[in-house]
């Protein structure tokens, strides 16, 4: 679970930093003092999290703009959406299929 907390904190930091905010924050797993990008991203990019198992998929649904599942069999897609919900953005790459976005 420590790894999931670290990823959650990193996503929160990135969301603020990429928006051009000056970040001074004491996260659970690390701290940042007066960090600001020299030039904010415009537009602010979406944050996608590589996830496959339920815990990381839930984290992606709670904290990010989408999840990327790699080498997921087509039969696993409904299982992913049981965790994240049908409207959450999931990028799926299967063995014999080109990269596509699953609605």
C-alpha atoms as a PDB file:
ATOM      1  CA  UNK A   1       0.000   0.000   0.000  1.00  0.00           C
ATOM      2  CA  UNK A   2       2.948   2.369   0.501  1.00  0.00           C
ATOM      3  CA  UNK A   3       3.550   2.328  -3.238  1.00  0.00           C
ATOM      4  CA  UNK A   4      -0.061   3.316  -3.959  1.00  0.00           C
ATOM      5  CA  UNK A   5       0.185   6.224  -1.492  1.00  0.00           C
ATOM      6  CA  UNK A   6       3.392   7.396  -3.167  1.00  0.00           C
ATOM      7  CA  UNK A   7       1.738   7.264  -6.592  1.00  0.00           C
ATOM      8  CA  UNK A   8      -1.315   9.135  -5.265  1.00  0.00           C
ATOM      9  CA  UNK A   9       0.909  11.857  -3.801  1.00  0.00           C
ATOM     10  CA  UNK A  10       2.930  12.102  -7.017  1.00  0.00           C
ATOM     11  CA  UNK A  11      -0.241  12.510  -9.079  1.00  0.00           C
ATOM     12  CA  UNK A  12      -1.469  15.256  -6.757  1.00  0.00           C
ATOM     13  CA  UNK A  13       1.870  17.034  -7.002  1.00  0.00           C
ATOM     14  CA  UNK A  14       1.937  16.733 -10.799  1.00  0.00           C
ATOM     15  CA  UNK A  15      -1.604  18.077 -11.156  1.00  0.00           C
ATOM     16  CA  UNK A  16      -0.658  21.239  -9.255  1.00  0.00           C
ATOM     17  CA  UNK A  17       2.768  21.622 -10.871  1.00  0.00           C
ATOM     18  CA  UNK A  18       1.548  21.129 -14.438  1.00  0.00           C
ATOM     19  CA  UNK A  19      -1.166  23.743 -13.843  1.00  0.00           C
ATOM     20  CA  UNK A  20       1.601  26.270 -13.132  1.00  0.00           C
ATOM     21  CA  UNK A  21       0.997  26.521  -9.405  1.00  0.00           C
ATOM     22  CA  UNK A  22       3.800  27.139  -6.943  1.00  0.00           C
ATOM     23  CA  UNK A  23       3.798  23.934  -4.903  1.00  0.00           C
ATOM     24  CA  UNK A  24       4.713  23.876  -1.243  1.00  0.00           C
ATOM     25  CA  UNK A  25       3.131  20.797   0.252  1.00  0.00           C
ATOM     26  CA  UNK A  26       3.737  18.131   2.860  1.00  0.00           C
ATOM     27  CA  UNK A  27       2.370  14.977   1.263  1.00  0.00           C
ATOM     28  CA  UNK A  28       2.137  11.712   3.189  1.00  0.00           C
ATOM     29  CA  UNK A  29       5.152  10.231   1.361  1.00  0.00           C
ATOM     30  CA  UNK A  30       7.274  13.295   0.477  1.00  0.00           C
ATOM     31  CA  UNK A  31       7.361  17.063   0.705  1.00  0.00           C
ATOM     32  CA  UNK A  32       7.891  19.835  -1.817  1.00  0.00           C
ATOM     33  CA  UNK A  33       8.969  23.391  -1.108  1.00  0.00           C
ATOM     34  CA  UNK A  34       8.370  26.271  -3.519  1.00  0.00           C
ATOM     35  CA  UNK A  35       8.425  24.206  -6.719  1.00  0.00           C
ATOM     36  CA  UNK A  36       7.195  25.934  -9.848  1.00  0.00           C
ATOM     37  CA  UNK A  37       7.754  25.080 -13.474  1.00  0.00           C
ATOM     38  CA  UNK A  38       9.574  27.776 -15.416  1.00  0.00           C
ATOM     39  CA  UNK A  39       6.744  27.593 -17.933  1.00  0.00           C
ATOM     40  CA  UNK A  40       3.345  26.062 -17.217  1.00  0.00           C
ATOM     41  CA  UNK A  41       1.961  23.514 -19.658  1.00  0.00           C
ATOM     42  CA  UNK A  42      -0.642  25.024 -21.969  1.00  0.00           C
ATOM     43  CA  UNK A  43      -2.944  23.280 -22.214  1.00  0.00           C
ATOM     44  CA  UNK A  44      -2.520  21.342 -18.997  1.00  0.00           C
ATOM     45  CA  UNK A  45      -2.074  17.686 -19.983  1.00  0.00           C
ATOM     46  CA  UNK A  46      -4.321  14.896 -18.822  1.00  0.00           C
ATOM     47  CA  UNK A  47      -2.833  12.574 -16.254  1.00  0.00           C
ATOM     48  CA  UNK A  48      -3.194   8.888 -17.055  1.00  0.00           C
ATOM     49  CA  UNK A  49      -2.157   6.115 -14.678  1.00  0.00           C
ATOM     50  CA  UNK A  50      -0.971   2.697 -15.796  1.00  0.00           C
ATOM     51  CA  UNK A  51      -3.226   0.324 -13.888  1.00  0.00           C
ATOM     52  CA  UNK A  52      -4.519  -3.201 -14.154  1.00  0.00           C
ATOM     53  CA  UNK A  53      -5.446  -4.524 -10.724  1.00  0.00           C
ATOM     54  CA  UNK A  54      -8.444  -3.210  -8.772  1.00  0.00           C
ATOM     55  CA  UNK A  55      -6.491  -1.103  -6.257  1.00  0.00           C
ATOM     56  CA  UNK A  56      -4.604   0.870  -8.891  1.00  0.00           C
ATOM     57  CA  UNK A  57      -7.716   1.154 -11.053  1.00  0.00           C
ATOM     58  CA  UNK A  58      -9.596   2.692  -8.107  1.00  0.00           C
ATOM     59  CA  UNK A  59      -6.694   5.082  -7.522  1.00  0.00           C
ATOM     60  CA  UNK A  60      -6.759   6.060 -11.190  1.00  0.00           C
ATOM     61  CA  UNK A  61     -10.517   6.666 -11.057  1.00  0.00           C
ATOM     62  CA  UNK A  62     -10.201   8.801  -7.911  1.00  0.00           C
ATOM     63  CA  UNK A  63      -7.121  10.858  -8.799  1.00  0.00           C
ATOM     64  CA  UNK A  64      -6.481  10.918 -12.559  1.00  0.00           C
ATOM     65  CA  UNK A  65      -8.103  11.605 -15.888  1.00  0.00           C
ATOM     66  CA  UNK A  66      -7.838   8.028 -17.107  1.00  0.00           C
ATOM     67  CA  UNK A  67      -6.147   4.659 -16.859  1.00  0.00           C
ATOM     68  CA  UNK A  68      -3.955   2.793 -19.282  1.00  0.00           C
ATOM     69  CA  UNK A  69      -4.166  -0.984 -19.264  1.00  0.00           C
ATOM     70  CA  UNK A  70      -1.524  -2.867 -21.177  1.00  0.00           C
ATOM     71  CA  UNK A  71      -1.934  -6.371 -22.587  1.00  0.00           C
ATOM     72  CA  UNK A  72      -5.419  -6.781 -21.202  1.00  0.00           C
ATOM     73  CA  UNK A  73      -7.488  -9.494 -22.845  1.00  0.00           C
ATOM     74  CA  UNK A  74     -10.793  -8.317 -24.300  1.00  0.00           C
ATOM     75  CA  UNK A  75     -12.580 -10.413 -21.682  1.00  0.00           C
ATOM     76  CA  UNK A  76     -10.969  -8.248 -18.984  1.00  0.00           C
ATOM     77  CA  UNK A  77     -12.405  -4.953 -20.223  1.00  0.00           C
ATOM     78  CA  UNK A  78     -15.800  -5.400 -18.494  1.00  0.00           C
ATOM     79  CA  UNK A  79     -13.978  -6.259 -15.257  1.00  0.00           C
ATOM     80  CA  UNK A  80     -11.983  -3.022 -15.498  1.00  0.00           C
ATOM     81  CA  UNK A  81     -15.161  -0.990 -15.971  1.00  0.00           C
ATOM     82  CA  UNK A  82     -16.777  -2.713 -12.970  1.00  0.00           C
ATOM     83  CA  UNK A  83     -14.058  -1.042 -10.886  1.00  0.00           C
ATOM     84  CA  UNK A  84     -13.764   2.377 -12.559  1.00  0.00           C
ATOM     85  CA  UNK A  85     -17.261   2.823 -13.948  1.00  0.00           C
ATOM     86  CA  UNK A  86     -18.425   2.781 -17.562  1.00  0.00           C
ATOM     87  CA  UNK A  87     -17.651   6.443 -18.306  1.00  0.00           C
ATOM     88  CA  UNK A  88     -14.076   6.543 -17.028  1.00  0.00           C
ATOM     89  CA  UNK A  89     -11.460   6.894 -19.767  1.00  0.00           C
ATOM     90  CA  UNK A  90      -9.439   3.702 -20.227  1.00  0.00           C
ATOM     91  CA  UNK A  91      -6.776   3.202 -22.858  1.00  0.00           C
ATOM     92  CA  UNK A  92      -6.453  -0.451 -23.792  1.00  0.00           C
ATOM     93  CA  UNK A  93      -3.792  -2.196 -25.797  1.00  0.00           C
ATOM     94  CA  UNK A  94      -4.396  -5.832 -26.545  1.00  0.00           C
ATOM     95  CA  UNK A  95      -2.028  -8.352 -28.077  1.00  0.00           C
ATOM     96  CA  UNK A  96      -3.512  -8.418 -31.557  1.00  0.00           C
ATOM     97  CA  UNK A  97      -5.168  -5.024 -31.589  1.00  0.00           C
ATOM     98  CA  UNK A  98      -3.922  -1.511 -32.229  1.00  0.00           C
ATOM     99  CA  UNK A  99      -4.105   1.000 -29.405  1.00  0.00           C
ATOM    100  CA  UNK A 100      -7.619   2.299 -28.857  1.00  0.00           C
ATOM    101  CA  UNK A 101      -9.696   4.095 -26.253  1.00  0.00           C
ATOM    102  CA  UNK A 102     -12.416   1.973 -24.658  1.00  0.00           C
ATOM    103  CA  UNK A 103     -15.499   4.098 -23.859  1.00  0.00           C
END
